Amino acid sequence: MLESQENRNFMRMAVNADAKVTLAEGENKKVLEGVCLDLSAEGLSLQLPANLEVGDKVFVEISSSGPVAPLKINAEVVRSQRLDDNSGDSLVGCRIISMD
């Protein structure tokens, strides 16, 4: 069994790929361009130019290089915090609901 300092069921894989995040707010949709930092079977973390609310539902498209189609993920925000680097960006953690 793999030992880990974190209490996770699945290992995370560093991705660092462009991500397009669509947030449905009532009848309006907000689209954010960011970076998918890492991905596991249950979740992902994103660096985005906005702070999202816990419970927000998002649709994430993660770009890939070459002819491979983008990974499409429906997810729910489980944490979001502003970064302390004066960029205005936030680190957003999401639980995967479904993936194509």
Protein backbone atom coordinates (compact mmCIF):
# COMPACT_ATOMS: atom_id res chain seq x y z
CA MET A 1 0.00 0.00 0.00
CA LEU A 2 1.22 3.51 -0.80
CA GLU A 3 1.85 5.73 2.20
CA SER A 4 0.70 9.31 1.97
CA GLN A 5 0.63 12.26 4.35
CA GLU A 6 -2.74 13.22 2.96
CA ASN A 7 -5.98 11.36 3.59
CA ARG A 8 -6.83 10.54 -0.05
CA ASN A 9 -8.17 7.45 -1.79
CA PHE A 10 -6.43 8.26 -5.09
CA MET A 11 -3.07 9.77 -5.94
CA ARG A 12 -2.97 13.19 -7.61
CA MET A 13 -1.29 13.74 -10.96
CA ALA A 14 0.27 17.13 -11.78
CA VAL A 15 -1.31 18.45 -14.97
CA ASN A 16 -0.59 22.19 -15.37
CA ALA A 17 -2.83 22.48 -18.43
CA ASP A 18 -5.06 25.29 -19.68
CA ALA A 19 -8.62 24.99 -18.41
CA LYS A 20 -11.86 26.70 -19.38
CA VAL A 21 -14.31 26.79 -16.47
CA THR A 22 -18.00 27.55 -16.99
CA LEU A 23 -19.99 28.54 -13.92
CA ALA A 24 -23.78 28.60 -14.22
CA GLU A 25 -25.24 31.47 -12.20
CA GLY A 26 -29.00 31.36 -12.62
CA GLU A 27 -29.69 32.18 -16.25
CA ASN A 28 -26.23 33.70 -16.76
CA LYS A 29 -23.08 31.72 -17.51
CA LYS A 30 -19.67 32.94 -16.48
CA VAL A 31 -16.60 31.57 -18.29
CA LEU A 32 -13.16 31.73 -16.67
CA GLU A 33 -9.80 30.88 -18.21
CA GLY A 34 -7.36 29.26 -15.78
CA VAL A 35 -4.99 26.39 -15.16
CA CYS A 36 -5.72 22.86 -13.97
CA LEU A 37 -2.90 22.24 -11.49
CA ASP A 38 -3.61 18.61 -10.67
CA LEU A 39 -6.16 15.86 -11.16
CA SER A 40 -7.16 12.62 -9.46
CA ALA A 41 -9.98 10.13 -9.91
CA GLU A 42 -12.12 12.09 -7.44
CA GLY A 43 -11.11 15.72 -7.82
CA LEU A 44 -9.02 18.48 -9.33
CA SER A 45 -7.48 21.79 -8.35
CA LEU A 46 -7.60 24.91 -10.45
CA GLN A 47 -5.95 28.32 -10.40
CA LEU A 48 -8.56 30.84 -11.51
CA PRO A 49 -8.83 34.65 -11.74
CA ALA A 50 -11.88 34.60 -9.44
CA ASN A 51 -12.86 33.22 -6.05
CA LEU A 52 -15.75 30.72 -6.33
CA GLU A 53 -18.22 29.70 -3.65
CA VAL A 54 -18.26 26.27 -1.99
CA GLY A 55 -21.11 24.33 -3.58
CA ASP A 56 -20.87 26.06 -6.97
CA LYS A 57 -21.30 23.65 -9.87
CA VAL A 58 -18.76 24.05 -12.68
CA PHE A 59 -18.08 22.54 -16.09
CA VAL A 60 -14.34 22.26 -16.77
CA GLU A 61 -12.64 21.63 -20.12
CA ILE A 62 -8.97 20.74 -19.78
CA SER A 63 -6.92 21.22 -22.93
CA SER A 64 -4.46 18.62 -24.13
CA SER A 65 -1.63 18.86 -26.58
CA GLY A 66 -1.90 17.26 -29.97
CA PRO A 67 -5.01 15.71 -31.51
CA VAL A 68 -6.50 14.50 -28.20
CA ALA A 69 -9.91 16.02 -27.38
CA PRO A 70 -10.20 18.10 -24.19
CA LEU A 71 -11.18 16.33 -20.98
CA LYS A 72 -14.69 17.44 -19.95
CA ILE A 73 -15.60 17.40 -16.26
CA ASN A 74 -18.69 18.32 -14.25
CA ALA A 75 -17.60 19.19 -10.73
CA GLU A 76 -18.57 20.88 -7.47
CA VAL A 77 -16.39 23.43 -5.65
CA VAL A 78 -15.33 22.14 -2.21
CA ARG A 79 -12.83 24.87 -1.32
CA SER A 80 -11.69 28.22 -2.71
CA GLN A 81 -9.14 30.64 -1.35
CA ARG A 82 -7.35 33.70 -2.66
CA LEU A 83 -3.62 33.32 -3.29
CA ASP A 84 -1.28 35.56 -1.30
CA ASP A 85 0.81 36.50 -4.36
CA ASN A 86 -1.06 39.71 -5.32
CA SER A 87 -2.16 38.11 -8.61
CA GLY A 88 -5.85 38.21 -7.65
CA ASP A 89 -6.07 34.50 -8.48
CA SER A 90 -7.66 31.82 -6.32
CA LEU A 91 -6.86 28.18 -5.70
CA VAL A 92 -10.08 26.21 -6.22
CA GLY A 93 -10.55 22.57 -5.23
CA CYS A 94 -13.35 20.59 -6.88
CA ARG A 95 -14.97 17.18 -6.42
CA ILE A 96 -15.63 15.43 -9.73
CA ILE A 97 -19.29 14.57 -10.35
CA SER A 98 -18.86 13.13 -13.85
CA MET A 99 -16.22 13.02 -16.56
CA ASP A 100 -16.26 12.52 -20.36
